[in-house]
PDB file of N, CA and C in Angstrom:
ATOM      1  N   UNK A   1      99.637 124.496  88.967  1.00  0.00           N
ATOM      2  CA  UNK A   1     100.469 123.330  89.357  1.00  0.00           C
ATOM      3  C   UNK A   1     100.057 122.614  90.603  1.00  0.00           C
ATOM      4  N   UNK A   2      99.911 121.398  90.750  1.00  0.00           N
ATOM      5  CA  UNK A   2      99.507 120.701  91.948  1.00  0.00           C
ATOM      6  C   UNK A   2     100.706 120.124  92.604  1.00  0.00           C
ATOM      7  N   UNK A   3     100.918 120.601  93.875  1.00  0.00           N
ATOM      8  CA  UNK A   3     101.988 120.020  94.695  1.00  0.00           C
ATOM      9  C   UNK A   3     101.811 118.337  94.827  1.00  0.00           C
ATOM     10  N   UNK A   4     102.887 117.945  94.843  1.00  0.00           N
ATOM     11  CA  UNK A   4     102.823 116.397  95.093  1.00  0.00           C
ATOM     12  C   UNK A   4     103.695 115.896  96.298  1.00  0.00           C
ATOM     13  N   UNK A   5     103.012 115.130  97.064  1.00  0.00           N
ATOM     14  CA  UNK A   5     103.832 114.846  98.332  1.00  0.00           C
ATOM     15  C   UNK A   5     105.086 113.604  98.180  1.00  0.00           C
ATOM     16  N   UNK A   6     105.649 113.405  98.912  1.00  0.00           N
ATOM     17  CA  UNK A   6     106.880 112.390  98.773  1.00  0.00           C
ATOM     18  C   UNK A   6     106.926 111.705 100.036  1.00  0.00           C
ATOM     19  N   UNK A   7     107.514 110.454 100.158  1.00  0.00           N
ATOM     20  CA  UNK A   7     108.009 109.672 101.045  1.00  0.00           C
ATOM     21  C   UNK A   7     109.646 109.315 101.170  1.00  0.00           C
ATOM     22  N   UNK A   8     109.976 109.360 102.389  1.00  0.00           N
ATOM     23  CA  UNK A   8     111.272 108.912 102.820  1.00  0.00           C
ATOM     24  C   UNK A   8     111.145 107.601 103.474  1.00  0.00           C
ATOM     25  N   UNK A   9     112.056 106.703 102.928  1.00  0.00           N
ATOM     26  CA  UNK A   9     111.921 105.433 103.319  1.00  0.00           C
ATOM     27  C   UNK A   9     113.128 104.633 103.499  1.00  0.00           C
ATOM     28  N   UNK A  10     112.983 103.644 104.248  1.00  0.00           N
ATOM     29  CA  UNK A  10     114.386 102.775 104.634  1.00  0.00           C
ATOM     30  C   UNK A  10     114.158 101.446 104.388  1.00  0.00           C
ATOM     31  N   UNK A  11     114.811 100.858 103.647  1.00  0.00           N
ATOM     32  CA  UNK A  11     114.754  99.245 103.558  1.00  0.00           C
ATOM     33  C   UNK A  11     116.009  98.628 103.946  1.00  0.00           C
ATOM     34  N   UNK A  12     115.889  97.342 104.194  1.00  0.00           N
ATOM     35  CA  UNK A  12     116.970  96.655 104.892  1.00  0.00           C
ATOM     36  C   UNK A  12     117.039  95.091 104.192  1.00  0.00           C
ATOM     37  N   UNK A  13     118.114  94.514 104.498  1.00  0.00           N
ATOM     38  CA  UNK A  13     118.310  93.111 104.013  1.00  0.00           C
ATOM     39  C   UNK A  13     117.500  92.080 105.133  1.00  0.00           C
ATOM     40  N   UNK A  14     117.455  90.918 104.838  1.00  0.00           N
ATOM     41  CA  UNK A  14     116.763  90.000 105.780  1.00  0.00           C
ATOM     42  C   UNK A  14     117.083  89.997 107.214  1.00  0.00           C
ATOM     43  N   UNK A  15     118.549  90.258 107.332  1.00  0.00           N
ATOM     44  CA  UNK A  15     119.196  90.086 108.794  1.00  0.00           C
ATOM     45  C   UNK A  15     119.234  91.466 109.341  1.00  0.00           C
ATOM     46  N   UNK A  16     118.939  92.521 108.673  1.00  0.00           N
ATOM     47  CA  UNK A  16     118.694  93.999 108.991  1.00  0.00           C
ATOM     48  C   UNK A  16     120.186  94.432 109.415  1.00  0.00           C
ATOM     49  N   UNK A  17     121.013  93.974 108.630  1.00  0.00           N
ATOM     50  CA  UNK A  17     122.387  94.769 108.880  1.00  0.00           C
ATOM     51  C   UNK A  17     122.926  95.879 107.916  1.00  0.00           C
ATOM     52  N   UNK A  18     121.957  95.983 106.800  1.00  0.00           N
ATOM     53  CA  UNK A  18     122.225  96.856 105.865  1.00  0.00           C
ATOM     54  C   UNK A  18     120.961  97.713 105.738  1.00  0.00           C
ATOM     55  N   UNK A  19     121.228  99.047 105.668  1.00  0.00           N
ATOM     56  CA  UNK A  19     120.205 100.081 105.716  1.00  0.00           C
ATOM     57  C   UNK A  19     120.309 100.870 104.421  1.00  0.00           C
ATOM     58  N   UNK A  20     119.090 101.055 103.624  1.00  0.00           N
ATOM     59  CA  UNK A  20     119.318 101.811 102.429  1.00  0.00           C
ATOM     60  C   UNK A  20     118.085 103.050 102.776  1.00  0.00           C
ATOM     61  N   UNK A  21     118.413 104.288 102.630  1.00  0.00           N
ATOM     62  CA  UNK A  21     117.508 105.181 102.571  1.00  0.00           C
ATOM     63  C   UNK A  21     117.213 105.888 101.290  1.00  0.00           C
ATOM     64  N   UNK A  22     115.855 105.928 100.982  1.00  0.00           N
ATOM     65  CA  UNK A  22     115.382 106.554  99.738  1.00  0.00           C
ATOM     66  C   UNK A  22     114.443 107.593  99.756  1.00  0.00           C
ATOM     67  N   UNK A  23     114.044 108.057  98.561  1.00  0.00           N
ATOM     68  CA  UNK A  23     112.845 108.963  98.612  1.00  0.00           C
ATOM     69  C   UNK A  23     112.193 108.470  97.389  1.00  0.00           C
ATOM     70  N   UNK A  24     110.648 108.949  97.286  1.00  0.00           N
ATOM     71  CA  UNK A  24     109.863 108.587  96.265  1.00  0.00           C
ATOM     72  C   UNK A  24     108.509 109.340  96.260  1.00  0.00           C
ATOM     73  N   UNK A  25     108.069 109.428  95.316  1.00  0.00           N
ATOM     74  CA  UNK A  25     106.677 110.158  95.373  1.00  0.00           C
ATOM     75  C   UNK A  25     105.527 108.751  95.196  1.00  0.00           C
ATOM     76  N   UNK A  26     106.056 107.729  95.013  1.00  0.00           N
ATOM     77  CA  UNK A  26     105.353 106.486  94.898  1.00  0.00           C
ATOM     78  C   UNK A  26     105.929 105.372  95.578  1.00  0.00           C
ATOM     79  N   UNK A  27     105.375 105.312  97.050  1.00  0.00           N
ATOM     80  CA  UNK A  27     105.900 104.356  97.928  1.00  0.00           C
ATOM     81  C   UNK A  27     105.761 102.795  97.329  1.00  0.00           C
ATOM     82  N   UNK A  28     104.539 102.682  97.077  1.00  0.00           N
ATOM     83  CA  UNK A  28     104.105 101.314  96.694  1.00  0.00           C
ATOM     84  C   UNK A  28     104.987 100.773  95.338  1.00  0.00           C
ATOM     85  N   UNK A  29     105.069 101.593  94.499  1.00  0.00           N
ATOM     86  CA  UNK A  29     105.666 101.208  93.010  1.00  0.00           C
ATOM     87  C   UNK A  29     107.360 101.093  93.412  1.00  0.00           C
ATOM     88  N   UNK A  30     107.746 101.987  94.311  1.00  0.00           N
ATOM     89  CA  UNK A  30     109.142 101.773  94.337  1.00  0.00           C
ATOM     90  C   UNK A  30     109.558 100.731  95.280  1.00  0.00           C
ATOM     91  N   UNK A  31     108.818 100.430  96.215  1.00  0.00           N
ATOM     92  CA  UNK A  31     109.253  99.237  97.172  1.00  0.00           C
ATOM     93  C   UNK A  31     109.075  98.072  96.308  1.00  0.00           C
ATOM     94  N   UNK A  32     107.980  98.088  95.597  1.00  0.00           N
ATOM     95  CA  UNK A  32     107.846  96.755  94.455  1.00  0.00           C
ATOM     96  C   UNK A  32     109.133  96.548  93.665  1.00  0.00           C
ATOM     97  N   UNK A  33     109.574  97.666  93.183  1.00  0.00           N
ATOM     98  CA  UNK A  33     110.848  97.663  92.316  1.00  0.00           C
ATOM     99  C   UNK A  33     111.967  97.077  93.131  1.00  0.00           C
ATOM    100  N   UNK A  34     111.962  97.393  94.368  1.00  0.00           N
ATOM    101  CA  UNK A  34     113.119  96.960  95.106  1.00  0.00           C
ATOM    102  C   UNK A  34     112.952  95.468  95.541  1.00  0.00           C
ATOM    103  N   UNK A  35     111.668  95.116  95.790  1.00  0.00           N
ATOM    104  CA  UNK A  35     111.150  93.661  96.105  1.00  0.00           C
ATOM    105  C   UNK A  35     111.445  92.802  95.038  1.00  0.00           C
ATOM    106  N   UNK A  36     111.227  93.229  93.709  1.00  0.00           N
ATOM    107  CA  UNK A  36     111.328  92.417  92.395  1.00  0.00           C
ATOM    108  C   UNK A  36     112.698  92.461  91.790  1.00  0.00           C
ATOM    109  N   UNK A  37     113.495  93.157  92.511  1.00  0.00           N
ATOM    110  CA  UNK A  37     114.873  93.483  92.167  1.00  0.00           C
ATOM    111  C   UNK A  37     114.879  93.972  90.512  1.00  0.00           C
ATOM    112  N   UNK A  38     114.143  94.912  90.335  1.00  0.00           N
ATOM    113  CA  UNK A  38     113.964  95.387  88.833  1.00  0.00           C
ATOM    114  C   UNK A  38     115.135  96.402  88.323  1.00  0.00           C
ATOM    115  N   UNK A  39     115.668  97.034  89.483  1.00  0.00           N
ATOM    116  CA  UNK A  39     116.712  97.968  89.030  1.00  0.00           C
ATOM    117  C   UNK A  39     118.029  97.557  89.830  1.00  0.00           C
ATOM    118  N   UNK A  40     119.002  97.666  89.045  1.00  0.00           N
ATOM    119  CA  UNK A  40     120.233  97.122  89.478  1.00  0.00           C
ATOM    120  C   UNK A  40     120.699  98.496  90.491  1.00  0.00           C
ATOM    121  N   UNK A  41     121.619  98.284  91.492  1.00  0.00           N
ATOM    122  CA  UNK A  41     122.135  99.249  92.538  1.00  0.00           C
ATOM    123  C   UNK A  41     122.432  98.715  93.579  1.00  0.00           C
ATOM    124  N   UNK A  42     122.462  99.564  94.693  1.00  0.00           N
ATOM    125  CA  UNK A  42     122.564  99.126  96.038  1.00  0.00           C
ATOM    126  C   UNK A  42     121.727  98.393  96.613  1.00  0.00           C
ATOM    127  N   UNK A  43     120.441  98.542  96.433  1.00  0.00           N
ATOM    128  CA  UNK A  43     119.326  97.749  97.287  1.00  0.00           C
ATOM    129  C   UNK A  43     119.336  96.444  96.338  1.00  0.00           C
ATOM    130  N   UNK A  44     119.637  96.189  95.145  1.00  0.00           N
ATOM    131  CA  UNK A  44     119.906  94.964  94.467  1.00  0.00           C
ATOM    132  C   UNK A  44     121.059  94.058  94.782  1.00  0.00           C
ATOM    133  N   UNK A  45     122.094  94.716  94.915  1.00  0.00           N
ATOM    134  CA  UNK A  45     123.450  93.959  95.330  1.00  0.00           C
ATOM    135  C   UNK A  45     123.304  93.603  96.728  1.00  0.00           C
ATOM    136  N   UNK A  46     122.791  94.438  97.768  1.00  0.00           N
ATOM    137  CA  UNK A  46     122.884  94.022  99.201  1.00  0.00           C
ATOM    138  C   UNK A  46     121.456  93.346  99.592  1.00  0.00           C
ATOM    139  N   UNK A  47     120.534  93.282  98.660  1.00  0.00           N
ATOM    140  CA  UNK A  47     119.279  92.426  99.129  1.00  0.00           C
ATOM    141  C   UNK A  47     118.233  93.177 100.140  1.00  0.00           C
ATOM    142  N   UNK A  48     118.385  94.557  99.836  1.00  0.00           N
ATOM    143  CA  UNK A  48     117.528  95.507 100.682  1.00  0.00           C
ATOM    144  C   UNK A  48     116.103  95.349 100.116  1.00  0.00           C
ATOM    145  N   UNK A  49     115.494  94.362 100.418  1.00  0.00           N
ATOM    146  CA  UNK A  49     114.214  94.063  99.873  1.00  0.00           C
ATOM    147  C   UNK A  49     112.943  94.413 100.969  1.00  0.00           C
ATOM    148  N   UNK A  50     113.264  94.647 102.184  1.00  0.00           N
ATOM    149  CA  UNK A  50     112.188  94.682 103.110  1.00  0.00           C
ATOM    150  C   UNK A  50     111.975  96.140 103.722  1.00  0.00           C
ATOM    151  N   UNK A  51     110.758  96.674 103.550  1.00  0.00           N
ATOM    152  CA  UNK A  51     110.702  97.970 103.903  1.00  0.00           C
ATOM    153  C   UNK A  51     110.359  98.087 105.394  1.00  0.00           C
ATOM    154  N   UNK A  52     111.348  99.122 106.144  1.00  0.00           N
ATOM    155  CA  UNK A  52     111.279  98.939 107.682  1.00  0.00           C
ATOM    156  C   UNK A  52     110.936 100.257 108.147  1.00  0.00           C
ATOM    157  N   UNK A  53     110.783 101.129 107.420  1.00  0.00           N
ATOM    158  CA  UNK A  53     110.420 102.713 107.808  1.00  0.00           C
ATOM    159  C   UNK A  53     110.184 103.405 106.588  1.00  0.00           C
ATOM    160  N   UNK A  54     109.299 104.514 106.856  1.00  0.00           N
ATOM    161  CA  UNK A  54     108.677 105.374 105.912  1.00  0.00           C
ATOM    162  C   UNK A  54     108.002 106.593 106.673  1.00  0.00           C
ATOM    163  N   UNK A  55     108.174 107.759 106.042  1.00  0.00           N
ATOM    164  CA  UNK A  55     107.320 108.877 106.486  1.00  0.00           C
ATOM    165  C   UNK A  55     106.802 109.705 105.320  1.00  0.00           C
ATOM    166  N   UNK A  56     105.846 110.327 105.338  1.00  0.00           N
ATOM    167  CA  UNK A  56     105.195 110.870 104.258  1.00  0.00           C
ATOM    168  C   UNK A  56     105.671 112.631 104.578  1.00  0.00           C
ATOM    169  N   UNK A  57     105.662 113.430 103.449  1.00  0.00           N
ATOM    170  CA  UNK A  57     105.868 114.800 103.484  1.00  0.00           C
ATOM    171  C   UNK A  57     105.018 115.496 102.596  1.00  0.00           C
ATOM    172  N   UNK A  58     104.666 116.557 102.843  1.00  0.00           N
ATOM    173  CA  UNK A  58     103.473 117.200 101.963  1.00  0.00           C
ATOM    174  C   UNK A  58     104.076 117.660 100.506  1.00  0.00           C
ATOM    175  N   UNK A  59     105.435 117.746 100.462  1.00  0.00           N
ATOM    176  CA  UNK A  59     105.911 118.089  99.089  1.00  0.00           C
ATOM    177  C   UNK A  59     107.229 117.238  98.971  1.00  0.00           C
ATOM    178  N   UNK A  60     107.404 116.899  97.580  1.00  0.00           N
ATOM    179  CA  UNK A  60     108.605 115.969  97.322  1.00  0.00           C
ATOM    180  C   UNK A  60     109.876 116.868  97.684  1.00  0.00           C
ATOM    181  N   UNK A  61     110.015 118.071  97.694  1.00  0.00           N
ATOM    182  CA  UNK A  61     111.056 118.734  97.918  1.00  0.00           C
ATOM    183  C   UNK A  61     111.500 118.462  99.595  1.00  0.00           C
ATOM    184  N   UNK A  62     110.291 118.630 100.305  1.00  0.00           N
ATOM    185  CA  UNK A  62     110.580 118.096 101.952  1.00  0.00           C
ATOM    186  C   UNK A  62     111.033 116.858 102.030  1.00  0.00           C
ATOM    187  N   UNK A  63     110.585 115.991 101.183  1.00  0.00           N
ATOM    188  CA  UNK A  63     110.984 114.623 101.519  1.00  0.00           C
ATOM    189  C   UNK A  63     112.258 114.621 100.943  1.00  0.00           C
ATOM    190  N   UNK A  64     112.963 115.251  99.979  1.00  0.00           N
ATOM    191  CA  UNK A  64     114.304 115.102  99.435  1.00  0.00           C
ATOM    192  C   UNK A  64     115.268 115.642 100.531  1.00  0.00           C
ATOM    193  N   UNK A  65     114.831 116.936 101.192  1.00  0.00           N
ATOM    194  CA  UNK A  65     115.559 117.479 102.167  1.00  0.00           C
ATOM    195  C   UNK A  65     115.826 116.356 103.471  1.00  0.00           C
ATOM    196  N   UNK A  66     114.551 115.914 103.885  1.00  0.00           N
ATOM    197  CA  UNK A  66     114.634 115.003 104.972  1.00  0.00           C
ATOM    198  C   UNK A  66     115.477 113.657 104.785  1.00  0.00           C
ATOM    199  N   UNK A  67     115.513 112.987 103.506  1.00  0.00           N
ATOM    200  CA  UNK A  67     116.300 112.137 102.970  1.00  0.00           C
ATOM    201  C   UNK A  67     117.783 112.433 103.226  1.00  0.00           C
ATOM    202  N   UNK A  68     118.169 113.659 102.645  1.00  0.00           N
ATOM    203  CA  UNK A  68     119.560 113.950 102.758  1.00  0.00           C
ATOM    204  C   UNK A  68     120.096 114.017 104.403  1.00  0.00           C
ATOM    205  N   UNK A  69     119.019 114.537 105.277  1.00  0.00           N
ATOM    206  CA  UNK A  69     119.362 114.681 106.649  1.00  0.00           C
ATOM    207  C   UNK A  69     119.710 113.367 107.135  1.00  0.00           C
ATOM    208  N   UNK A  70     118.648 112.362 106.891  1.00  0.00           N
ATOM    209  CA  UNK A  70     118.715 110.919 107.377  1.00  0.00           C
ATOM    210  C   UNK A  70     120.106 110.552 106.814  1.00  0.00           C
ATOM    211  N   UNK A  71     120.276 110.599 105.678  1.00  0.00           N
ATOM    212  CA  UNK A  71     121.699 109.902 105.078  1.00  0.00           C
ATOM    213  C   UNK A  71     123.010 110.368 105.908  1.00  0.00           C
ATOM    214  N   UNK A  72     122.839 111.624 106.469  1.00  0.00           N
ATOM    215  CA  UNK A  72     124.043 112.134 107.143  1.00  0.00           C
ATOM    216  C   UNK A  72     123.954 111.462 108.749  1.00  0.00           C
ATOM    217  N   UNK A  73     123.147 111.045 108.947  1.00  0.00           N
ATOM    218  CA  UNK A  73     123.297 110.547 110.371  1.00  0.00           C
ATOM    219  C   UNK A  73     123.963 109.398 110.828  1.00  0.00           C
ATOM    220  N   UNK A  74     124.399 109.402 112.015  1.00  0.00           N
ATOM    221  CA  UNK A  74     124.976 108.026 112.393  1.00  0.00           C
ATOM    222  C   UNK A  74     124.030 106.695 112.377  1.00  0.00           C
ATOM    223  N   UNK A  75     124.566 105.657 112.247  1.00  0.00           N
ATOM    224  CA  UNK A  75     123.742 104.352 112.058  1.00  0.00           C
ATOM    225  C   UNK A  75     122.864 104.387 113.420  1.00  0.00           C
ATOM    226  N   UNK A  76     123.367 104.594 114.386  1.00  0.00           N
ATOM    227  CA  UNK A  76     122.384 104.464 115.920  1.00  0.00           C
ATOM    228  C   UNK A  76     121.289 105.293 115.771  1.00  0.00           C
ATOM    229  N   UNK A  77     121.539 106.597 115.223  1.00  0.00           N
ATOM    230  CA  UNK A  77     120.173 107.599 115.144  1.00  0.00           C
ATOM    231  C   UNK A  77     119.301 106.955 114.310  1.00  0.00           C
ATOM    232  N   UNK A  78     119.811 106.435 113.077  1.00  0.00           N
ATOM    233  CA  UNK A  78     118.758 105.910 112.030  1.00  0.00           C
ATOM    234  C   UNK A  78     118.056 104.591 112.743  1.00  0.00           C
ATOM    235  N   UNK A  79     118.673 103.733 113.384  1.00  0.00           N
ATOM    236  CA  UNK A  79     118.119 102.612 114.182  1.00  0.00           C
ATOM    237  C   UNK A  79     117.091 103.067 115.279  1.00  0.00           C
ATOM    238  N   UNK A  80     117.461 104.143 115.894  1.00  0.00           N
ATOM    239  CA  UNK A  80     116.533 104.727 116.754  1.00  0.00           C
ATOM    240  C   UNK A  80     115.117 105.212 116.215  1.00  0.00           C
ATOM    241  N   UNK A  81     115.334 106.021 115.106  1.00  0.00           N
ATOM    242  CA  UNK A  81     114.170 106.437 114.274  1.00  0.00           C
ATOM    243  C   UNK A  81     113.257 105.228 113.722  1.00  0.00           C
ATOM    244  N   UNK A  82     113.856 104.103 113.352  1.00  0.00           N
ATOM    245  CA  UNK A  82     113.252 102.969 112.870  1.00  0.00           C
ATOM    246  C   UNK A  82     112.576 102.361 113.858  1.00  0.00           C
ATOM    247  N   UNK A  83     113.091 101.982 115.007  1.00  0.00           N
ATOM    248  CA  UNK A  83     112.467 101.205 116.103  1.00  0.00           C
ATOM    249  C   UNK A  83     111.589 102.186 116.802  1.00  0.00           C
ATOM    250  N   UNK A  84     111.582 103.478 116.851  1.00  0.00           N
ATOM    251  CA  UNK A  84     110.527 104.428 117.332  1.00  0.00           C
ATOM    252  C   UNK A  84     109.179 104.158 116.369  1.00  0.00           C
ATOM    253  N   UNK A  85     109.242 103.659 115.213  1.00  0.00           N
ATOM    254  CA  UNK A  85     108.163 103.633 114.164  1.00  0.00           C
ATOM    255  C   UNK A  85     107.832 102.003 114.121  1.00  0.00           C
ATOM    256  N   UNK A  86     108.746 101.360 114.083  1.00  0.00           N
ATOM    257  CA  UNK A  86     108.650  99.866 113.852  1.00  0.00           C
ATOM    258  C   UNK A  86     109.528  99.079 114.940  1.00  0.00           C
ATOM    259  N   UNK A  87     108.978  98.923 116.159  1.00  0.00           N
ATOM    260  CA  UNK A  87     109.974  98.272 117.074  1.00  0.00           C
ATOM    261  C   UNK A  87     110.345  96.799 116.783  1.00  0.00           C
ATOM    262  N   UNK A  88     109.555  96.239 116.077  1.00  0.00           N
ATOM    263  CA  UNK A  88     109.917  94.853 115.576  1.00  0.00           C
ATOM    264  C   UNK A  88     110.813  94.613 114.406  1.00  0.00           C
ATOM    265  N   UNK A  89     110.930  95.802 113.755  1.00  0.00           N
ATOM    266  CA  UNK A  89     111.816  95.873 112.400  1.00  0.00           C
ATOM    267  C   UNK A  89     111.054  94.804 111.535  1.00  0.00           C
ATOM    268  N   UNK A  90     109.787  94.752 111.421  1.00  0.00           N
ATOM    269  CA  UNK A  90     109.112  93.945 110.579  1.00  0.00           C
ATOM    270  C   UNK A  90     108.918  94.778 109.085  1.00  0.00           C
ATOM    271  N   UNK A  91     108.682  93.734 108.209  1.00  0.00           N
ATOM    272  CA  UNK A  91     108.636  94.261 106.714  1.00  0.00           C
ATOM    273  C   UNK A  91     107.227  95.066 106.693  1.00  0.00           C
ATOM    274  N   UNK A  92     107.156  96.187 106.314  1.00  0.00           N
ATOM    275  CA  UNK A  92     105.914  96.959 106.426  1.00  0.00           C
ATOM    276  C   UNK A  92     105.181  96.797 104.904  1.00  0.00           C
ATOM    277  N   UNK A  93     105.758  96.076 104.137  1.00  0.00           N
ATOM    278  CA  UNK A  93     105.213  95.879 102.728  1.00  0.00           C
ATOM    279  C   UNK A  93     103.666  95.843 102.924  1.00  0.00           C
ATOM    280  N   UNK A  94     103.156  94.909 103.611  1.00  0.00           N
ATOM    281  CA  UNK A  94     101.584  94.770 103.617  1.00  0.00           C
ATOM    282  C   UNK A  94     100.861  95.717 104.325  1.00  0.00           C
ATOM    283  N   UNK A  95     101.567  96.751 105.049  1.00  0.00           N
ATOM    284  CA  UNK A  95     100.902  97.788 105.619  1.00  0.00           C
ATOM    285  C   UNK A  95     100.841  99.055 104.818  1.00  0.00           C
ATOM    286  N   UNK A  96     101.470  99.093 103.760  1.00  0.00           N
ATOM    287  CA  UNK A  96     101.175 100.369 102.915  1.00  0.00           C
ATOM    288  C   UNK A  96     100.368 100.723 101.936  1.00  0.00           C
ATOM    289  N   UNK A  97      99.327  99.790 101.923  1.00  0.00           N
ATOM    290  CA  UNK A  97      98.291  99.931 100.924  1.00  0.00           C
ATOM    291  C   UNK A  97      97.531 101.302 101.115  1.00  0.00           C
ATOM    292  N   UNK A  98      97.362 102.036  99.991  1.00  0.00           N
ATOM    293  CA  UNK A  98      96.954 103.406 100.001  1.00  0.00           C
ATOM    294  C   UNK A  98      97.849 104.528 100.257  1.00  0.00           C
ATOM    295  N   UNK A  99      99.107 104.045 100.148  1.00  0.00           N
ATOM    296  CA  UNK A  99     100.334 105.081 100.313  1.00  0.00           C
ATOM    297  C   UNK A  99     100.692 105.737  99.007  1.00  0.00           C
ATOM    298  N   UNK A 100      99.736 106.012  98.061  1.00  0.00           N
ATOM    299  CA  UNK A 100     100.145 106.360  96.649  1.00  0.00           C
ATOM    300  C   UNK A 100      99.506 107.881  96.377  1.00  0.00           C
TER     301      UNK A 100
END
């Protein structure tokens, strides 16, 4: 059995007032789904179309554990994490080529 890595990611709306934390093994595919509003749910409802943070983990299990950890954090902790990786809070969509 080949272990597959995973990504924890955070998307936001245009004004960066809403944060959504998710996990996936296919970052490009998942963020494409968010951008194209292919699946109803939180990101669809609140227009969380902009990828503002991501991190890779060697296993999907580790990524899931990290996602659960981040989801429990205070908003200010999440904002500090995001800004340490992406100070301008820019959409990282064009920067994730090769993240599959």
